[in-house]
Amino acid sequence: MWKIAVAFAIFAGLALFILSKGGNIDLSGEKHGTEAMHEPAAVGPASAPASK
């Protein structure tokens, strides 16, 4: 059983090390209203499929 705990600790440490080297990674969760919302994608004119 102790081997599982040691393996988990090593894996978690390795995962945190890799994530910290990855750059700007936000692990703080969802943001609601605290940052500017992304603008919706521009929607062009709807094209109807040509029927024959």
C-alpha atoms as a PDB file:
ATOM      1  CA  MET A   1       0.000   0.000   0.000  1.00  0.00           C
ATOM      2  CA  TRP A   2       2.830   2.381   0.801  1.00  0.00           C
ATOM      3  CA  LYS A   3       4.200   1.833  -2.708  1.00  0.00           C
ATOM      4  CA  ILE A   4       1.007   3.275  -4.187  1.00  0.00           C
ATOM      5  CA  ALA A   5       1.311   6.382  -2.003  1.00  0.00           C
ATOM      6  CA  VAL A   6       4.971   6.873  -2.972  1.00  0.00           C
ATOM      7  CA  ALA A   7       4.201   6.368  -6.666  1.00  0.00           C
ATOM      8  CA  PHE A   8       1.346   8.901  -6.435  1.00  0.00           C
ATOM      9  CA  ALA A   9       3.579  11.472  -4.733  1.00  0.00           C
ATOM     10  CA  ILE A  10       6.284  11.030  -7.390  1.00  0.00           C
ATOM     11  CA  PHE A  11       3.743  11.255 -10.215  1.00  0.00           C
ATOM     12  CA  ALA A  12       2.104  14.361  -8.708  1.00  0.00           C
ATOM     13  CA  GLY A  13       5.480  16.030  -8.246  1.00  0.00           C
ATOM     14  CA  LEU A  14       6.476  15.228 -11.818  1.00  0.00           C
ATOM     15  CA  ALA A  15       3.149  16.551 -13.140  1.00  0.00           C
ATOM     16  CA  LEU A  16       3.523  19.825 -11.215  1.00  0.00           C
ATOM     17  CA  PHE A  17       7.106  20.190 -12.451  1.00  0.00           C
ATOM     18  CA  ILE A  18       6.034  19.695 -16.082  1.00  0.00           C
ATOM     19  CA  LEU A  19       3.107  22.106 -15.702  1.00  0.00           C
ATOM     20  CA  SER A  20       5.328  24.743 -14.125  1.00  0.00           C
ATOM     21  CA  LYS A  21       7.749  24.531 -17.059  1.00  0.00           C
ATOM     22  CA  GLY A  22       4.878  24.869 -19.564  1.00  0.00           C
ATOM     23  CA  GLY A  23       4.532  28.633 -19.311  1.00  0.00           C
ATOM     24  CA  ASN A  24       1.390  30.579 -18.497  1.00  0.00           C
ATOM     25  CA  ILE A  25      -0.956  27.918 -17.113  1.00  0.00           C
ATOM     26  CA  ASP A  26      -3.924  29.096 -15.040  1.00  0.00           C
ATOM     27  CA  LEU A  27      -5.051  26.517 -12.463  1.00  0.00           C
ATOM     28  CA  SER A  28      -7.374  28.875 -10.593  1.00  0.00           C
ATOM     29  CA  GLY A  29     -10.615  27.673 -12.196  1.00  0.00           C
ATOM     30  CA  GLU A  30     -13.389  29.471 -14.018  1.00  0.00           C
ATOM     31  CA  LYS A  31     -13.660  33.224 -14.047  1.00  0.00           C
ATOM     32  CA  HIS A  32     -17.101  34.835 -13.884  1.00  0.00           C
ATOM     33  CA  GLY A  33     -17.203  38.503 -14.741  1.00  0.00           C
ATOM     34  CA  THR A  34     -13.733  39.328 -13.410  1.00  0.00           C
ATOM     35  CA  GLU A  35     -12.053  39.502 -16.795  1.00  0.00           C
ATOM     36  CA  ALA A  36     -13.148  40.833 -20.160  1.00  0.00           C
ATOM     37  CA  MET A  37     -15.326  38.355 -21.959  1.00  0.00           C
ATOM     38  CA  HIS A  38     -14.275  37.153 -25.366  1.00  0.00           C
ATOM     39  CA  GLU A  39     -16.174  38.683 -28.235  1.00  0.00           C
ATOM     40  CA  PRO A  40     -18.392  36.226 -30.114  1.00  0.00           C
ATOM     41  CA  ALA A  41     -17.161  35.141 -33.503  1.00  0.00           C
ATOM     42  CA  ALA A  42     -18.411  37.205 -36.408  1.00  0.00           C
ATOM     43  CA  VAL A  43     -21.273  35.442 -38.137  1.00  0.00           C
ATOM     44  CA  GLY A  44     -21.444  35.847 -41.883  1.00  0.00           C
ATOM     45  CA  PRO A  45     -24.574  35.535 -44.020  1.00  0.00           C
ATOM     46  CA  ALA A  46     -26.152  32.118 -43.832  1.00  0.00           C
ATOM     47  CA  SER A  47     -25.729  30.199 -47.043  1.00  0.00           C
ATOM     48  CA  ALA A  48     -28.549  27.861 -47.923  1.00  0.00           C
ATOM     49  CA  PRO A  49     -27.567  24.637 -49.676  1.00  0.00           C
ATOM     50  CA  ALA A  50     -28.360  24.653 -53.351  1.00  0.00           C
ATOM     51  CA  SER A  51     -31.298  22.374 -54.144  1.00  0.00           C
ATOM     52  CA  LYS A  52     -31.690  20.836 -57.582  1.00  0.00           C
END
